[in-house]
Amino acid sequence: MTRIEERRLNRPLTRVRTGGLTGLAVAVLLLGADAAQAAFPGANGPIAFTVQKWRQPSCVPTSPPMPHSCPEPELVWSRTETVLPNGRGRRVLSGLDNGLAGNSAGAWSPEGKRVAFTTADRLGTIRSDGTLRRLLPRLTLQDLAPAWSPDGRRLAFIGNRRCFGCSWLYTVRRDGTGLDRVIAQGAYSPNWSAKGMIAFVNHNDSSKIPGDIADGLYTIRPDGSRLRRVYSGGYLGPGESPDWSPDGTRIAFAAATRVAPDNQEIFSVDANGRGLRQLTHFKAHLGGGVGAPRWSPDGKHITFVDNNDLYVVRPNGRGLRQIIDTQDQTAGETIWKTLGGPSWLPRPR
């Protein structure tokens, strides 16, 4: 496949000075719910993740009882935290409420100096020292899930342009110019490798949409060539973005297993689709709670979430350990917390 469209956007950027707020606390203020990316090769920093507090409002009795008399749970606050890989040093980076932190710790640039985010379906970047925020021009109807190129000059993202619900893969310069459409097929959760390939998940049903690529995990070049399906053995849940190893040779992802189709596990596979390896075996944890794997910058560990708890495991599946234990919600509980969106931060060069 070849690149089929190029469009350049040169509208001025929006700049916002952040004033008295400093450091990483500012860098995570406006991260979108879908930006998440592990580090490129480098030294390991802390693991960032989000914690959300939820409240269940009281049910309103009706006579006769109505099936929807109980309101939906309400988000009380959402914040970004970090923790060291040994489970120590946990701290809050942003104490803002009203869900401004989203449910992702953001996509960090290769040098660790910028974070890409989504707010109101628009892409933006912010320096990690908190001094400057840039909102890119609106590129499509919805601009979601940014992921950095290895040189930090471009972003891959999912765009919705010509039809409602069409999730196509694009790349754009970090200043919002030079928009390229990579593939006009259903694509979700892109992740750009150190070797220049982009991995993404496709959820199209090829039996219903003739000519579309089938469900599975794919890789493609930024120019739209070398499309390859590397995994199709089980359902990959929505939002379960794949993650490249720092050397660009393997991809970690979450998928349902053949023996337990209702249960997701963490897998990794070679970039050529060979060498599939199952890293976790949470057979008793039904409900698809396992997901969001992220490589460490040194490539020696993978962090992931299982039922709101944070774990670390080696790439060979050994050394599994829990580093954060979030108390499970109990029956009748009206206040609870959820954990998600981990991102292993690089140490700035």
Protein backbone atom coordinates (compact mmCIF):
# COMPACT_ATOMS: atom_id res chain seq x y z
CA MET A 1 0.00 0.00 0.00
CA THR A 2 1.18 3.55 -0.68
CA ARG A 3 0.54 6.89 0.88
CA ILE A 4 -2.72 8.11 -0.55
CA GLU A 5 -3.12 11.57 0.86
CA GLU A 6 -1.06 14.51 2.07
CA ARG A 7 -2.32 17.73 3.50
CA ARG A 8 -0.41 20.54 5.14
CA LEU A 9 -1.86 22.70 7.86
CA ASN A 10 -0.10 25.92 8.80
CA ARG A 11 -2.47 27.66 11.14
CA PRO A 12 -0.92 29.35 14.20
CA LEU A 13 -0.50 27.27 17.31
CA THR A 14 -2.17 28.06 20.61
CA ARG A 15 0.36 28.87 23.33
CA VAL A 16 -0.49 28.95 27.02
CA ARG A 17 1.93 29.99 29.75
CA THR A 18 1.47 27.91 32.87
CA GLY A 19 2.54 30.47 35.44
CA GLY A 20 3.29 29.23 38.94
CA LEU A 21 2.88 25.50 38.33
CA THR A 22 6.15 23.70 37.71
CA GLY A 23 7.60 20.32 36.84
CA LEU A 24 5.84 17.15 35.83
CA ALA A 25 2.71 18.21 37.69
CA VAL A 26 1.99 20.58 34.83
CA ALA A 27 2.92 18.08 32.16
CA VAL A 28 0.04 15.83 33.14
CA LEU A 29 -2.72 18.39 33.66
CA LEU A 30 -4.47 17.87 30.35
CA LEU A 31 -3.43 14.43 29.16
CA GLY A 32 -6.06 12.72 27.08
CA ALA A 33 -7.75 9.47 27.89
CA ASP A 34 -6.13 7.56 25.06
CA ALA A 35 -2.51 8.74 24.90
CA ALA A 36 -0.20 6.09 26.26
CA GLN A 37 3.26 5.03 25.22
CA ALA A 38 6.27 3.45 26.80
CA ALA A 39 9.74 4.90 26.46
CA PHE A 40 12.16 4.47 23.60
CA PRO A 41 15.61 3.04 24.47
CA GLY A 42 17.10 4.71 27.50
CA ALA A 43 17.30 4.74 31.28
CA ASN A 44 14.29 3.70 33.33
CA GLY A 45 12.34 6.40 35.07
CA PRO A 46 9.28 5.88 37.29
CA ILE A 47 6.01 4.33 36.13
CA ALA A 48 3.18 6.83 35.64
CA PHE A 49 -0.45 5.79 35.91
CA THR A 50 -3.84 7.29 36.68
CA VAL A 51 -6.11 6.80 39.63
CA GLN A 52 -9.80 7.65 39.39
CA LYS A 53 -12.22 7.94 42.27
CA TRP A 54 -15.84 7.00 41.57
CA ARG A 55 -19.09 7.46 43.46
CA GLN A 56 -22.38 5.65 43.05
CA PRO A 57 -25.29 8.05 43.71
CA SER A 58 -28.18 6.71 45.71
CA CYS A 59 -30.91 4.98 43.78
CA VAL A 60 -34.20 6.82 43.54
CA PRO A 61 -37.09 4.53 44.50
CA THR A 62 -39.94 4.42 42.04
CA SER A 63 -43.33 2.78 42.11
CA PRO A 64 -43.48 0.52 40.27
CA PRO A 65 -39.68 -0.07 40.16
CA MET A 66 -38.08 1.09 36.93
CA PRO A 67 -35.08 -0.69 35.41
CA HIS A 68 -33.03 2.55 35.18
CA SER A 69 -33.96 4.13 38.50
CA CYS A 70 -30.32 4.00 39.67
CA PRO A 71 -28.05 6.66 38.10
CA GLU A 72 -24.71 5.85 36.50
CA PRO A 73 -21.52 6.07 38.62
CA GLU A 74 -19.98 9.56 38.81
CA LEU A 75 -16.29 10.42 38.46
CA VAL A 76 -15.22 12.33 41.58
CA TRP A 77 -11.62 13.03 40.51
CA SER A 78 -8.86 11.72 38.30
CA ARG A 79 -5.16 12.25 38.89
CA THR A 80 -1.80 11.05 37.65
CA GLU A 81 0.67 9.39 40.01
CA THR A 82 4.11 7.80 39.69
CA VAL A 83 5.77 4.91 41.48
CA LEU A 84 9.23 3.36 41.32
CA PRO A 85 9.48 -0.13 39.80
CA ASN A 86 10.08 -1.56 43.29
CA GLY A 87 6.72 -0.21 44.45
CA ARG A 88 8.21 2.59 46.55
CA GLY A 89 8.15 6.35 46.18
CA ARG A 90 4.52 6.65 45.10
CA ARG A 91 3.50 10.27 44.66
CA VAL A 92 0.84 12.41 43.02
CA LEU A 93 1.85 14.49 40.01
CA SER A 94 -1.48 16.26 39.61
CA GLY A 95 -4.17 16.76 42.22
CA LEU A 96 -6.70 18.23 39.84
CA ASP A 97 -10.18 16.78 39.98
CA ASN A 98 -13.01 16.58 37.44
CA GLY A 99 -11.14 14.00 35.39
CA LEU A 100 -8.65 16.40 33.80
CA ALA A 101 -5.92 13.79 33.99
CA GLY A 102 -7.98 11.37 31.92
CA ASN A 103 -7.21 7.68 32.31
CA SER A 104 -3.76 7.68 30.72
CA ALA A 105 -0.34 8.93 31.74
CA GLY A 106 0.30 10.29 28.27
CA ALA A 107 2.69 9.66 25.36
CA TRP A 108 6.19 10.74 26.25
CA SER A 109 8.59 11.80 23.52
CA PRO A 110 11.78 9.75 23.00
CA GLU A 111 13.99 12.25 24.82
CA GLY A 112 11.53 12.57 27.69
CA LYS A 113 11.05 16.32 27.28
CA ARG A 114 7.52 16.45 25.83
CA VAL A 115 4.18 14.76 26.42
CA ALA A 116 1.50 14.35 23.75
CA PHE A 117 -2.12 14.43 24.88
CA THR A 118 -5.68 14.70 23.62
CA THR A 119 -8.21 17.17 24.92
CA ALA A 120 -11.64 17.74 23.38
CA ASP A 121 -10.61 15.46 20.49
CA ARG A 122 -7.60 17.65 19.63
CA LEU A 123 -3.93 16.78 19.87
CA GLY A 124 -1.53 18.83 21.90
CA THR A 125 1.98 18.70 23.34
CA ILE A 126 3.46 20.11 26.51
CA ARG A 127 7.02 20.38 27.75
CA SER A 128 7.84 18.26 30.76
CA ASP A 129 9.05 21.36 32.64
CA GLY A 130 5.56 22.83 32.29
CA THR A 131 6.57 26.02 30.49
CA LEU A 132 4.64 25.69 27.24
CA ARG A 133 1.55 23.97 25.97
CA ARG A 134 0.62 23.73 22.28
CA LEU A 135 -2.74 22.76 20.90
CA LEU A 136 -2.43 21.58 17.32
CA PRO A 137 -4.97 22.65 14.70
CA ARG A 138 -7.94 20.31 14.46
CA LEU A 139 -6.71 17.81 11.89
CA THR A 140 -9.81 15.59 11.52
CA LEU A 141 -13.21 15.38 13.19
CA GLN A 142 -11.54 13.52 16.05
CA ASP A 143 -7.79 13.35 16.74
CA LEU A 144 -7.00 10.57 19.20
CA ALA A 145 -4.27 8.31 20.61
CA PRO A 146 -1.03 10.14 19.73
CA ALA A 147 2.24 8.20 19.56
CA TRP A 148 5.71 9.67 18.90
CA SER A 149 8.07 8.82 16.06
CA PRO A 150 11.59 7.65 17.07
CA ASP A 151 13.12 11.05 16.27
CA GLY A 152 10.37 12.94 18.13
CA ARG A 153 9.46 15.01 15.06
CA ARG A 154 6.12 13.42 14.15
CA LEU A 155 3.06 11.95 15.83
CA ALA A 156 0.98 8.99 14.70
CA PHE A 157 -2.67 9.26 15.67
CA ILE A 158 -6.16 8.00 14.89
CA GLY A 159 -8.37 10.38 12.93
CA ASN A 160 -12.03 10.49 11.98
CA ARG A 161 -12.54 12.59 8.85
CA ARG A 162 -15.05 11.60 6.21
CA CYS A 163 -17.46 9.27 7.95
CA PHE A 164 -18.70 8.94 11.50
CA GLY A 165 -16.83 6.18 13.32
CA CYS A 166 -14.07 5.82 10.69
CA SER A 167 -10.81 5.39 12.60
CA TRP A 168 -7.96 5.92 10.13
CA LEU A 169 -4.25 6.08 10.82
CA TYR A 170 -2.42 9.38 10.23
CA THR A 171 0.92 10.98 10.99
CA VAL A 172 1.65 14.68 11.43
CA ARG A 173 4.57 16.89 12.40
CA ARG A 174 4.58 17.86 16.03
CA ASP A 175 3.73 21.46 15.07
CA GLY A 176 0.54 20.32 13.30
CA THR A 177 1.79 20.58 9.68
CA GLY A 178 2.49 17.88 7.11
CA LEU A 179 -0.55 15.67 7.67
CA ASP A 180 -0.22 12.24 6.00
CA ARG A 181 -2.83 9.50 5.90
CA VAL A 182 -1.14 6.14 6.37
CA ILE A 183 -4.07 3.77 5.85
CA ALA A 184 -7.82 4.21 5.30
CA GLN A 185 -8.82 1.12 7.28
CA GLY A 186 -10.10 0.69 10.79
CA ALA A 187 -7.15 1.37 13.10
CA TYR A 188 -6.84 1.87 16.84
CA SER A 189 -4.10 2.42 19.40
CA PRO A 190 -0.99 3.15 17.25
CA ASN A 191 2.51 2.71 18.64
CA TRP A 192 5.69 3.75 16.79
CA SER A 193 8.81 1.57 17.11
CA ALA A 194 12.43 2.65 17.37
CA LYS A 195 12.94 1.08 13.92
CA GLY A 196 10.23 3.23 12.34
CA MET A 197 7.35 0.75 12.05
CA ILE A 198 3.88 1.54 13.44
CA ALA A 199 1.84 -1.14 15.20
CA PHE A 200 -1.93 -0.80 15.51
CA VAL A 201 -5.02 -2.85 16.31
CA ASN A 202 -7.85 -3.39 13.82
CA HIS A 203 -11.39 -4.31 14.87
CA ASN A 204 -13.09 -4.38 11.47
CA ASP A 205 -15.22 -7.40 10.68
CA SER A 206 -13.98 -8.54 7.26
CA SER A 207 -16.99 -10.81 6.78
CA LYS A 208 -19.30 -7.78 6.88
CA ILE A 209 -17.10 -5.24 5.13
CA PRO A 210 -15.66 -6.83 1.97
CA GLY A 211 -12.13 -5.75 1.21
CA ASP A 212 -11.29 -4.56 4.72
CA ILE A 213 -8.39 -6.09 6.60
CA ALA A 214 -9.38 -8.63 9.25
CA ASP A 215 -9.31 -8.23 13.02
CA GLY A 216 -5.89 -8.45 14.59
CA LEU A 217 -2.60 -6.77 15.40
CA TYR A 218 -0.82 -5.16 12.43
CA THR A 219 2.38 -3.32 11.58
CA ILE A 220 2.89 -0.83 8.76
CA ARG A 221 5.42 1.69 7.54
CA PRO A 222 4.57 5.39 7.92
CA ASP A 223 4.32 5.67 4.12
CA GLY A 224 1.58 3.02 4.07
CA SER A 225 3.75 0.18 2.73
CA ARG A 226 4.61 -3.22 4.21
CA LEU A 227 1.26 -3.85 5.90
CA ARG A 228 1.54 -7.09 7.88
CA ARG A 229 -0.74 -8.91 10.31
CA VAL A 230 1.37 -10.25 13.16
CA TYR A 231 -1.36 -11.68 15.42
CA SER A 232 -4.96 -12.78 15.01
CA GLY A 233 -5.33 -15.60 17.54
CA GLY A 234 -7.76 -13.96 19.95
CA TYR A 235 -9.84 -10.86 20.59
CA LEU A 236 -7.86 -7.71 21.32
CA GLY A 237 -10.01 -5.50 23.52
CA PRO A 238 -10.81 -1.90 22.53
CA GLY A 239 -8.22 0.52 23.81
CA GLU A 240 -5.66 -2.23 24.44
CA SER A 241 -2.80 -0.54 22.63
CA PRO A 242 0.21 -2.64 21.60
CA ASP A 243 3.64 -1.57 22.79
CA TRP A 244 7.00 -2.04 21.05
CA SER A 245 10.09 -3.19 22.88
CA PRO A 246 12.75 -0.44 23.00
CA ASP A 247 14.82 -2.17 20.30
CA GLY A 248 11.80 -2.51 18.00
CA THR A 249 11.98 -6.31 17.72
CA ARG A 250 8.94 -7.42 19.73
CA ILE A 251 5.43 -6.17 20.51
CA ALA A 252 3.61 -6.63 23.83
CA PHE A 253 -0.18 -6.67 23.79
CA ALA A 254 -3.25 -7.95 25.64
CA ALA A 255 -5.62 -10.46 24.05
CA ALA A 256 -8.15 -13.10 24.98
CA THR A 257 -6.97 -16.69 24.96
CA ARG A 258 -8.45 -19.58 23.03
CA VAL A 259 -8.94 -21.64 26.19
CA ALA A 260 -10.56 -18.73 28.09
CA PRO A 261 -12.20 -16.35 25.57
CA ASP A 262 -13.56 -14.15 28.39
CA ASN A 263 -10.12 -13.65 29.92
CA GLN A 264 -7.33 -11.44 28.59
CA GLU A 265 -3.65 -12.21 29.09
CA ILE A 266 -0.40 -10.41 28.25
CA PHE A 267 1.46 -11.68 25.17
CA SER A 268 4.48 -10.67 23.13
CA VAL A 269 5.36 -11.49 19.53
CA ASP A 270 8.22 -10.85 17.13
CA ALA A 271 7.81 -8.03 14.62
CA ASN A 272 7.51 -10.65 11.87
CA GLY A 273 4.63 -12.41 13.63
CA ARG A 274 6.68 -15.32 14.95
CA GLY A 275 7.73 -16.30 18.44
CA LEU A 276 4.38 -15.74 20.18
CA ARG A 277 4.83 -15.90 23.96
CA GLN A 278 2.21 -15.75 26.70
CA LEU A 279 3.58 -13.84 29.69
CA THR A 280 0.71 -14.05 32.20
CA HIS A 281 -1.67 -16.82 33.26
CA PHE A 282 -4.41 -15.13 35.27
CA LYS A 283 -6.92 -17.86 34.46
CA ALA A 284 -8.95 -17.13 37.57
CA HIS A 285 -9.25 -13.44 36.78
CA LEU A 286 -12.18 -13.58 34.40
CA GLY A 287 -13.68 -10.42 32.98
CA GLY A 288 -10.83 -9.09 30.85
CA GLY A 289 -9.10 -7.07 33.58
CA VAL A 290 -5.57 -7.73 32.29
CA GLY A 291 -4.22 -5.16 29.86
CA ALA A 292 -2.16 -2.08 28.94
CA PRO A 293 1.35 -3.63 28.82
CA ARG A 294 4.25 -1.14 28.67
CA TRP A 295 7.93 -1.95 28.19
CA SER A 296 10.59 -0.38 30.40
CA PRO A 297 13.09 1.83 28.53
CA ASP A 298 15.88 -0.70 29.17
CA GLY A 299 13.72 -3.52 27.78
CA LYS A 300 14.14 -5.73 30.85
CA HIS A 301 10.60 -5.47 32.27
CA ILE A 302 6.97 -4.95 31.25
CA THR A 303 4.41 -3.26 33.44
CA PHE A 304 0.67 -3.91 33.08
CA VAL A 305 -2.65 -3.62 34.89
CA ASP A 306 -4.79 -6.47 36.19
CA ASN A 307 -8.12 -5.60 37.83
CA ASN A 308 -6.86 -2.16 38.94
CA ASP A 309 -3.59 -3.54 40.35
CA LEU A 310 -0.19 -2.70 38.83
CA TYR A 311 2.29 -5.48 38.05
CA VAL A 312 5.77 -5.91 36.59
CA VAL A 313 7.03 -9.00 34.75
CA ARG A 314 10.15 -9.90 32.78
CA PRO A 315 9.83 -10.34 28.99
CA ASN A 316 10.24 -14.11 29.44
CA GLY A 317 7.20 -14.26 31.74
CA ARG A 318 9.22 -14.76 34.92
CA GLY A 319 9.61 -12.56 37.97
CA LEU A 320 5.95 -11.51 38.17
CA ARG A 321 5.37 -9.15 41.06
CA GLN A 322 2.67 -6.75 42.17
CA ILE A 323 3.80 -3.22 42.93
CA ILE A 324 0.44 -1.53 43.61
CA ASP A 325 -2.57 -3.20 45.23
CA THR A 326 -5.83 -1.29 44.74
CA GLN A 327 -8.60 -2.50 46.99
CA ASP A 328 -11.34 -4.23 45.03
CA GLN A 329 -14.82 -2.76 45.02
CA THR A 330 -17.16 -4.68 47.30
CA ALA A 331 -20.88 -5.26 46.91
CA GLY A 332 -22.91 -2.23 47.97
CA GLU A 333 -19.87 0.06 48.09
CA THR A 334 -20.65 3.61 46.99
CA ILE A 335 -17.05 4.95 46.77
CA TRP A 336 -14.21 3.15 45.00
CA LYS A 337 -11.05 3.75 42.96
CA THR A 338 -9.75 2.41 39.66
CA LEU A 339 -6.21 2.30 38.31
CA GLY A 340 -5.15 2.33 34.66
CA GLY A 341 -3.16 3.80 31.78
CA PRO A 342 0.41 3.00 32.87
CA SER A 343 3.30 4.56 30.99
CA TRP A 344 6.95 3.85 31.82
CA LEU A 345 8.69 7.21 31.77
CA PRO A 346 12.17 7.71 30.34
CA ARG A 347 14.72 9.78 32.14
CA PRO A 348 15.25 12.95 30.07
CA ARG A 349 18.52 12.89 28.17
